Amino acid sequence: MAKDWIHEIMDPNLRKDYDINSAWRALELAMSCANPSSLNRPSISQVIHELKECIVCDLKNRSLESQEMNVSLDTTAK
């Protein structure tokens, strides 16, 4: 399967302005969250960590390191 296949399911409003590797990583994460077995699904902490990594990777690969982006999420349970 060609890596360009991801463009078919991405929001067309993004106009392909995203890192393809980050998009694949986010898709794989989403698929793991839908695993029928709860034992094989990632924890919310793992999901947050992976999503942060996707954002950082996307920013680096698109040479936007100079732009600041706050990717901190409050993961404390209340």
PDB file of N, CA and C in Angstrom:
ATOM      1  N   MET A   1       0.844  -1.175   0.000  1.00  0.00           N
ATOM      2  CA  MET A   1       0.000   0.000   0.000  1.00  0.00           C
ATOM      3  C   MET A   1       0.894   1.246   0.000  1.00  0.00           C
ATOM      4  N   ALA A   2       0.618   2.163  -0.881  1.00  0.00           N
ATOM      5  CA  ALA A   2       1.417   3.389  -0.987  1.00  0.00           C
ATOM      6  C   ALA A   2       1.108   4.322   0.169  1.00  0.00           C
ATOM      7  N   LYS A   3       2.136   5.010   0.629  1.00  0.00           N
ATOM      8  CA  LYS A   3       1.958   5.941   1.736  1.00  0.00           C
ATOM      9  C   LYS A   3       1.051   7.110   1.374  1.00  0.00           C
ATOM     10  N   ASP A   4       0.936   7.420   0.098  1.00  0.00           N
ATOM     11  CA  ASP A   4       0.091   8.540  -0.313  1.00  0.00           C
ATOM     12  C   ASP A   4      -1.388   8.265  -0.106  1.00  0.00           C
ATOM     13  N   TRP A   5      -1.745   7.036   0.165  1.00  0.00           N
ATOM     14  CA  TRP A   5      -3.134   6.677   0.416  1.00  0.00           C
ATOM     15  C   TRP A   5      -3.745   7.499   1.543  1.00  0.00           C
ATOM     16  N   ILE A   6      -2.938   7.931   2.480  1.00  0.00           N
ATOM     17  CA  ILE A   6      -3.423   8.701   3.634  1.00  0.00           C
ATOM     18  C   ILE A   6      -4.146   9.972   3.183  1.00  0.00           C
ATOM     19  N   HIS A   7      -3.751  10.536   2.048  1.00  0.00           N
ATOM     20  CA  HIS A   7      -4.393  11.769   1.572  1.00  0.00           C
ATOM     21  C   HIS A   7      -5.878  11.566   1.286  1.00  0.00           C
ATOM     22  N   GLU A   8      -6.264  10.334   0.981  1.00  0.00           N
ATOM     23  CA  GLU A   8      -7.661  10.047   0.669  1.00  0.00           C
ATOM     24  C   GLU A   8      -8.578  10.166   1.877  1.00  0.00           C
ATOM     25  N   ILE A   9      -8.032   9.995   3.087  1.00  0.00           N
ATOM     26  CA  ILE A   9      -8.879  10.060   4.275  1.00  0.00           C
ATOM     27  C   ILE A   9      -8.662  11.321   5.109  1.00  0.00           C
ATOM     28  N   MET A  10      -7.667  12.111   4.739  1.00  0.00           N
ATOM     29  CA  MET A  10      -7.409  13.353   5.471  1.00  0.00           C
ATOM     30  C   MET A  10      -8.387  14.440   5.036  1.00  0.00           C
ATOM     31  N   ASP A  11      -8.601  15.381   5.931  1.00  0.00           N
ATOM     32  CA  ASP A  11      -9.489  16.511   5.645  1.00  0.00           C
ATOM     33  C   ASP A  11      -8.941  17.288   4.445  1.00  0.00           C
ATOM     34  N   PRO A  12      -9.711  17.420   3.375  1.00  0.00           N
ATOM     35  CA  PRO A  12      -9.218  18.136   2.191  1.00  0.00           C
ATOM     36  C   PRO A  12      -8.967  19.615   2.467  1.00  0.00           C
ATOM     37  N   ASN A  13      -9.576  20.151   3.519  1.00  0.00           N
ATOM     38  CA  ASN A  13      -9.343  21.553   3.872  1.00  0.00           C
ATOM     39  C   ASN A  13      -7.907  21.803   4.320  1.00  0.00           C
ATOM     40  N   LEU A  14      -7.201  20.740   4.681  1.00  0.00           N
ATOM     41  CA  LEU A  14      -5.790  20.878   5.068  1.00  0.00           C
ATOM     42  C   LEU A  14      -4.894  21.091   3.856  1.00  0.00           C
ATOM     43  N   ARG A  15      -5.415  20.809   2.668  1.00  0.00           N
ATOM     44  CA  ARG A  15      -4.692  20.989   1.405  1.00  0.00           C
ATOM     45  C   ARG A  15      -3.305  20.327   1.444  1.00  0.00           C
ATOM     46  N   LYS A  16      -3.276  19.147   2.025  1.00  0.00           N
ATOM     47  CA  LYS A  16      -2.038  18.352   2.138  1.00  0.00           C
ATOM     48  C   LYS A  16      -0.923  19.091   2.887  1.00  0.00           C
ATOM     49  N   ASP A  17      -1.320  20.053   3.729  1.00  0.00           N
ATOM     50  CA  ASP A  17      -0.349  20.816   4.508  1.00  0.00           C
ATOM     51  C   ASP A  17      -0.135  20.145   5.869  1.00  0.00           C
ATOM     52  N   TYR A  18       0.414  18.953   5.836  1.00  0.00           N
ATOM     53  CA  TYR A  18       0.725  18.199   7.041  1.00  0.00           C
ATOM     54  C   TYR A  18       1.820  17.199   6.691  1.00  0.00           C
ATOM     55  N   ASP A  19       2.498  16.747   7.714  1.00  0.00           N
ATOM     56  CA  ASP A  19       3.552  15.755   7.524  1.00  0.00           C
ATOM     57  C   ASP A  19       2.901  14.379   7.383  1.00  0.00           C
ATOM     58  N   ILE A  20       3.167  13.706   6.293  1.00  0.00           N
ATOM     59  CA  ILE A  20       2.539  12.419   6.006  1.00  0.00           C
ATOM     60  C   ILE A  20       2.880  11.368   7.065  1.00  0.00           C
ATOM     61  N   ASN A  21       4.094  11.396   7.588  1.00  0.00           N
ATOM     62  CA  ASN A  21       4.481  10.429   8.619  1.00  0.00           C
ATOM     63  C   ASN A  21       3.709  10.657   9.915  1.00  0.00           C
ATOM     64  N   SER A  22       3.490  11.918  10.271  1.00  0.00           N
ATOM     65  CA  SER A  22       2.701  12.228  11.461  1.00  0.00           C
ATOM     66  C   SER A  22       1.250  11.807  11.272  1.00  0.00           C
ATOM     67  N   ALA A  23       0.741  11.986  10.070  1.00  0.00           N
ATOM     68  CA  ALA A  23      -0.636  11.575   9.775  1.00  0.00           C
ATOM     69  C   ALA A  23      -0.775  10.060   9.912  1.00  0.00           C
ATOM     70  N   TRP A  24       0.191   9.308   9.382  1.00  0.00           N
ATOM     71  CA  TRP A  24       0.156   7.851   9.507  1.00  0.00           C
ATOM     72  C   TRP A  24       0.242   7.432  10.968  1.00  0.00           C
ATOM     73  N   ARG A  25       1.095   8.113  11.704  1.00  0.00           N
ATOM     74  CA  ARG A  25       1.265   7.778  13.124  1.00  0.00           C
ATOM     75  C   ARG A  25      -0.038   8.016  13.891  1.00  0.00           C
ATOM     76  N   ALA A  26      -0.716   9.130  13.591  1.00  0.00           N
ATOM     77  CA  ALA A  26      -1.988   9.436  14.240  1.00  0.00           C
ATOM     78  C   ALA A  26      -3.057   8.412  13.840  1.00  0.00           C
ATOM     79  N   LEU A  27      -3.050   7.988  12.584  1.00  0.00           N
ATOM     80  CA  LEU A  27      -4.001   6.976  12.126  1.00  0.00           C
ATOM     81  C   LEU A  27      -3.765   5.645  12.841  1.00  0.00           C
ATOM     82  N   GLU A  28      -2.514   5.248  12.933  1.00  0.00           N
ATOM     83  CA  GLU A  28      -2.190   4.003  13.628  1.00  0.00           C
ATOM     84  C   GLU A  28      -2.609   4.069  15.094  1.00  0.00           C
ATOM     85  N   LEU A  29      -2.429   5.227  15.708  1.00  0.00           N
ATOM     86  CA  LEU A  29      -2.852   5.422  17.091  1.00  0.00           C
ATOM     87  C   LEU A  29      -4.370   5.291  17.198  1.00  0.00           C
ATOM     88  N   ALA A  30      -5.082   5.940  16.289  1.00  0.00           N
ATOM     89  CA  ALA A  30      -6.543   5.857  16.298  1.00  0.00           C
ATOM     90  C   ALA A  30      -7.010   4.408  16.145  1.00  0.00           C
ATOM     91  N   MET A  31      -6.364   3.681  15.259  1.00  0.00           N
ATOM     92  CA  MET A  31      -6.728   2.275  15.057  1.00  0.00           C
ATOM     93  C   MET A  31      -6.460   1.444  16.317  1.00  0.00           C
ATOM     94  N   SER A  32      -5.374   1.740  17.009  1.00  0.00           N
ATOM     95  CA  SER A  32      -5.086   0.991  18.241  1.00  0.00           C
ATOM     96  C   SER A  32      -6.108   1.312  19.331  1.00  0.00           C
ATOM     97  N   CYS A  33      -6.656   2.521  19.305  1.00  0.00           N
ATOM     98  CA  CYS A  33      -7.680   2.905  20.283  1.00  0.00           C
ATOM     99  C   CYS A  33      -9.003   2.184  20.030  1.00  0.00           C
ATOM    100  N   ALA A  34      -9.202   1.707  18.811  1.00  0.00           N
ATOM    101  CA  ALA A  34     -10.433   1.009  18.439  1.00  0.00           C
ATOM    102  C   ALA A  34     -10.291  -0.512  18.558  1.00  0.00           C
ATOM    103  N   ASN A  35      -9.209  -0.976  19.132  1.00  0.00           N
ATOM    104  CA  ASN A  35      -8.994  -2.407  19.284  1.00  0.00           C
ATOM    105  C   ASN A  35     -10.135  -3.021  20.091  1.00  0.00           C
ATOM    106  N   PRO A  36     -10.706  -4.118  19.617  1.00  0.00           N
ATOM    107  CA  PRO A  36     -11.816  -4.751  20.345  1.00  0.00           C
ATOM    108  C   PRO A  36     -11.450  -5.172  21.774  1.00  0.00           C
ATOM    109  N   SER A  37     -10.197  -5.479  21.992  1.00  0.00           N
ATOM    110  CA  SER A  37      -9.754  -5.893  23.322  1.00  0.00           C
ATOM    111  C   SER A  37      -9.240  -4.685  24.108  1.00  0.00           C
ATOM    112  N   SER A  38      -9.881  -4.398  25.214  1.00  0.00           N
ATOM    113  CA  SER A  38      -9.454  -3.246  26.021  1.00  0.00           C
ATOM    114  C   SER A  38      -8.026  -3.403  26.531  1.00  0.00           C
ATOM    115  N   LEU A  39      -7.580  -4.638  26.683  1.00  0.00           N
ATOM    116  CA  LEU A  39      -6.211  -4.871  27.143  1.00  0.00           C
ATOM    117  C   LEU A  39      -5.180  -4.419  26.117  1.00  0.00           C
ATOM    118  N   ASN A  40      -5.572  -4.373  24.844  1.00  0.00           N
ATOM    119  CA  ASN A  40      -4.652  -3.991  23.777  1.00  0.00           C
ATOM    120  C   ASN A  40      -4.780  -2.525  23.373  1.00  0.00           C
ATOM    121  N   ARG A  41      -5.679  -1.787  24.024  1.00  0.00           N
ATOM    122  CA  ARG A  41      -5.810  -0.357  23.732  1.00  0.00           C
ATOM    123  C   ARG A  41      -4.820   0.432  24.577  1.00  0.00           C
ATOM    124  N   PRO A  42      -4.310   1.548  24.027  1.00  0.00           N
ATOM    125  CA  PRO A  42      -3.390   2.381  24.822  1.00  0.00           C
ATOM    126  C   PRO A  42      -4.149   3.127  25.915  1.00  0.00           C
ATOM    127  N   SER A  43      -3.433   3.471  26.963  1.00  0.00           N
ATOM    128  CA  SER A  43      -4.032   4.288  28.026  1.00  0.00           C
ATOM    129  C   SER A  43      -4.162   5.721  27.519  1.00  0.00           C
ATOM    130  N   ILE A  44      -4.963   6.520  28.187  1.00  0.00           N
ATOM    131  CA  ILE A  44      -5.126   7.911  27.775  1.00  0.00           C
ATOM    132  C   ILE A  44      -3.792   8.650  27.866  1.00  0.00           C
ATOM    133  N   SER A  45      -2.964   8.304  28.826  1.00  0.00           N
ATOM    134  CA  SER A  45      -1.638   8.924  28.930  1.00  0.00           C
ATOM    135  C   SER A  45      -0.778   8.595  27.715  1.00  0.00           C
ATOM    136  N   GLN A  46      -0.863   7.347  27.259  1.00  0.00           N
ATOM    137  CA  GLN A  46      -0.110   6.953  26.063  1.00  0.00           C
ATOM    138  C   GLN A  46      -0.636   7.684  24.827  1.00  0.00           C
ATOM    139  N   VAL A  47      -1.950   7.833  24.742  1.00  0.00           N
ATOM    140  CA  VAL A  47      -2.556   8.538  23.611  1.00  0.00           C
ATOM    141  C   VAL A  47      -2.088   9.990  23.586  1.00  0.00           C
ATOM    142  N   ILE A  48      -2.137  10.647  24.728  1.00  0.00           N
ATOM    143  CA  ILE A  48      -1.707  12.044  24.814  1.00  0.00           C
ATOM    144  C   ILE A  48      -0.241  12.175  24.428  1.00  0.00           C
ATOM    145  N   HIS A  49       0.592  11.276  24.950  1.00  0.00           N
ATOM    146  CA  HIS A  49       2.019  11.304  24.627  1.00  0.00           C
ATOM    147  C   HIS A  49       2.239  11.151  23.122  1.00  0.00           C
ATOM    148  N   GLU A  50       1.566  10.175  22.519  1.00  0.00           N
ATOM    149  CA  GLU A  50       1.725   9.935  21.075  1.00  0.00           C
ATOM    150  C   GLU A  50       1.239  11.122  20.252  1.00  0.00           C
ATOM    151  N   LEU A  51       0.114  11.710  20.643  1.00  0.00           N
ATOM    152  CA  LEU A  51      -0.397  12.867  19.900  1.00  0.00           C
ATOM    153  C   LEU A  51       0.566  14.046  19.983  1.00  0.00           C
ATOM    154  N   LYS A  52       1.146  14.252  21.159  1.00  0.00           N
ATOM    155  CA  LYS A  52       2.160  15.302  21.297  1.00  0.00           C
ATOM    156  C   LYS A  52       3.343  15.027  20.380  1.00  0.00           C
ATOM    157  N   GLU A  53       3.775  13.772  20.327  1.00  0.00           N
ATOM    158  CA  GLU A  53       4.889  13.395  19.455  1.00  0.00           C
ATOM    159  C   GLU A  53       4.535  13.637  17.985  1.00  0.00           C
ATOM    160  N   CYS A  54       3.310  13.345  17.605  1.00  0.00           N
ATOM    161  CA  CYS A  54       2.871  13.599  16.224  1.00  0.00           C
ATOM    162  C   CYS A  54       2.959  15.083  15.892  1.00  0.00           C
ATOM    163  N   ILE A  55       2.521  15.910  16.820  1.00  0.00           N
ATOM    164  CA  ILE A  55       2.557  17.361  16.600  1.00  0.00           C
ATOM    165  C   ILE A  55       3.986  17.853  16.484  1.00  0.00           C
ATOM    166  N   VAL A  56       4.845  17.414  17.390  1.00  0.00           N
ATOM    167  CA  VAL A  56       6.246  17.825  17.367  1.00  0.00           C
ATOM    168  C   VAL A  56       6.907  17.374  16.067  1.00  0.00           C
ATOM    169  N   CYS A  57       6.670  16.139  15.681  1.00  0.00           N
ATOM    170  CA  CYS A  57       7.236  15.606  14.440  1.00  0.00           C
ATOM    171  C   CYS A  57       6.739  16.408  13.236  1.00  0.00           C
ATOM    172  N   ASP A  58       5.457  16.715  13.225  1.00  0.00           N
ATOM    173  CA  ASP A  58       4.884  17.488  12.129  1.00  0.00           C
ATOM    174  C   ASP A  58       5.536  18.866  12.044  1.00  0.00           C
ATOM    175  N   LEU A  59       5.688  19.505  13.178  1.00  0.00           N
ATOM    176  CA  LEU A  59       6.293  20.839  13.183  1.00  0.00           C
ATOM    177  C   LEU A  59       7.740  20.793  12.714  1.00  0.00           C
ATOM    178  N   LYS A  60       8.480  19.804  13.170  1.00  0.00           N
ATOM    179  CA  LYS A  60       9.877  19.686  12.760  1.00  0.00           C
ATOM    180  C   LYS A  60       9.999  19.402  11.274  1.00  0.00           C
ATOM    181  N   ASN A  61       9.192  18.459  10.805  1.00  0.00           N
ATOM    182  CA  ASN A  61       9.287  18.066   9.407  1.00  0.00           C
ATOM    183  C   ASN A  61       8.792  19.137   8.451  1.00  0.00           C
ATOM    184  N   ARG A  62       7.990  20.041   8.915  1.00  0.00           N
ATOM    185  CA  ARG A  62       7.521  21.124   8.055  1.00  0.00           C
ATOM    186  C   ARG A  62       8.324  22.400   8.307  1.00  0.00           C
ATOM    187  N   SER A  63       9.425  22.272   9.014  1.00  0.00           N
ATOM    188  CA  SER A  63      10.331  23.392   9.298  1.00  0.00           C
ATOM    189  C   SER A  63       9.625  24.561   9.963  1.00  0.00           C
ATOM    190  N   LEU A  64       8.784  24.244  10.919  1.00  0.00           N
ATOM    191  CA  LEU A  64       8.081  25.294  11.652  1.00  0.00           C
ATOM    192  C   LEU A  64       8.550  25.368  13.095  1.00  0.00           C
ATOM    193  N   GLU A  65       9.772  24.936  13.322  1.00  0.00           N
ATOM    194  CA  GLU A  65      10.287  24.924  14.681  1.00  0.00           C
ATOM    195  C   GLU A  65      10.304  26.310  15.304  1.00  0.00           C
ATOM    196  N   SER A  66      10.413  27.333  14.487  1.00  0.00           N
ATOM    197  CA  SER A  66      10.493  28.682  15.020  1.00  0.00           C
ATOM    198  C   SER A  66       9.156  29.164  15.574  1.00  0.00           C
ATOM    199  N   GLN A  67       8.068  28.549  15.129  1.00  0.00           N
ATOM    200  CA  GLN A  67       6.766  28.935  15.646  1.00  0.00           C
ATOM    201  C   GLN A  67       6.520  28.210  16.954  1.00  0.00           C
ATOM    202  N   GLU A  68       6.037  28.940  17.943  1.00  0.00           N
ATOM    203  CA  GLU A  68       5.741  28.304  19.219  1.00  0.00           C
ATOM    204  C   GLU A  68       4.346  27.723  19.183  1.00  0.00           C
ATOM    205  N   MET A  69       4.237  26.536  19.728  1.00  0.00           N
ATOM    206  CA  MET A  69       2.933  25.899  19.791  1.00  0.00           C
ATOM    207  C   MET A  69       2.831  25.206  21.130  1.00  0.00           C
ATOM    208  N   ASN A  70       1.823  25.531  21.861  1.00  0.00           N
ATOM    209  CA  ASN A  70       1.631  24.927  23.176  1.00  0.00           C
ATOM    210  C   ASN A  70       0.893  23.608  23.014  1.00  0.00           C
ATOM    211  N   VAL A  71       1.572  22.510  23.283  1.00  0.00           N
ATOM    212  CA  VAL A  71       0.960  21.206  23.141  1.00  0.00           C
ATOM    213  C   VAL A  71       0.763  20.552  24.522  1.00  0.00           C
ATOM    214  N   SER A  72       0.811  21.348  25.568  1.00  0.00           N
ATOM    215  CA  SER A  72       0.626  20.785  26.886  1.00  0.00           C
ATOM    216  C   SER A  72      -0.856  20.541  27.136  1.00  0.00           C
ATOM    217  N   LEU A  73      -1.146  19.394  27.693  1.00  0.00           N
ATOM    218  CA  LEU A  73      -2.513  19.019  28.034  1.00  0.00           C
ATOM    219  C   LEU A  73      -2.546  18.605  29.486  1.00  0.00           C
ATOM    220  N   ASP A  74      -3.566  19.045  30.201  1.00  0.00           N
ATOM    221  CA  ASP A  74      -3.716  18.662  31.603  1.00  0.00           C
ATOM    222  C   ASP A  74      -4.231  17.235  31.649  1.00  0.00           C
ATOM    223  N   THR A  75      -3.408  16.331  32.148  1.00  0.00           N
ATOM    224  CA  THR A  75      -3.798  14.925  32.193  1.00  0.00           C
ATOM    225  C   THR A  75      -4.143  14.482  33.602  1.00  0.00           C
ATOM    226  N   THR A  76      -4.280  15.419  34.527  1.00  0.00           N
ATOM    227  CA  THR A  76      -4.602  15.037  35.902  1.00  0.00           C
ATOM    228  C   THR A  76      -6.077  14.699  36.013  1.00  0.00           C
ATOM    229  N   ALA A  77      -6.346  13.652  36.741  1.00  0.00           N
ATOM    230  CA  ALA A  77      -7.737  13.252  36.967  1.00  0.00           C
ATOM    231  C   ALA A  77      -8.310  14.075  38.114  1.00  0.00           C
ATOM    232  N   LYS A  78      -9.528  14.483  37.940  1.00  0.00           N
ATOM    233  CA  LYS A  78     -10.186  15.272  38.997  1.00  0.00           C
ATOM    234  C   LYS A  78     -11.310  14.502  39.591  1.00  0.00           C
TER     235      LYS A  78
END
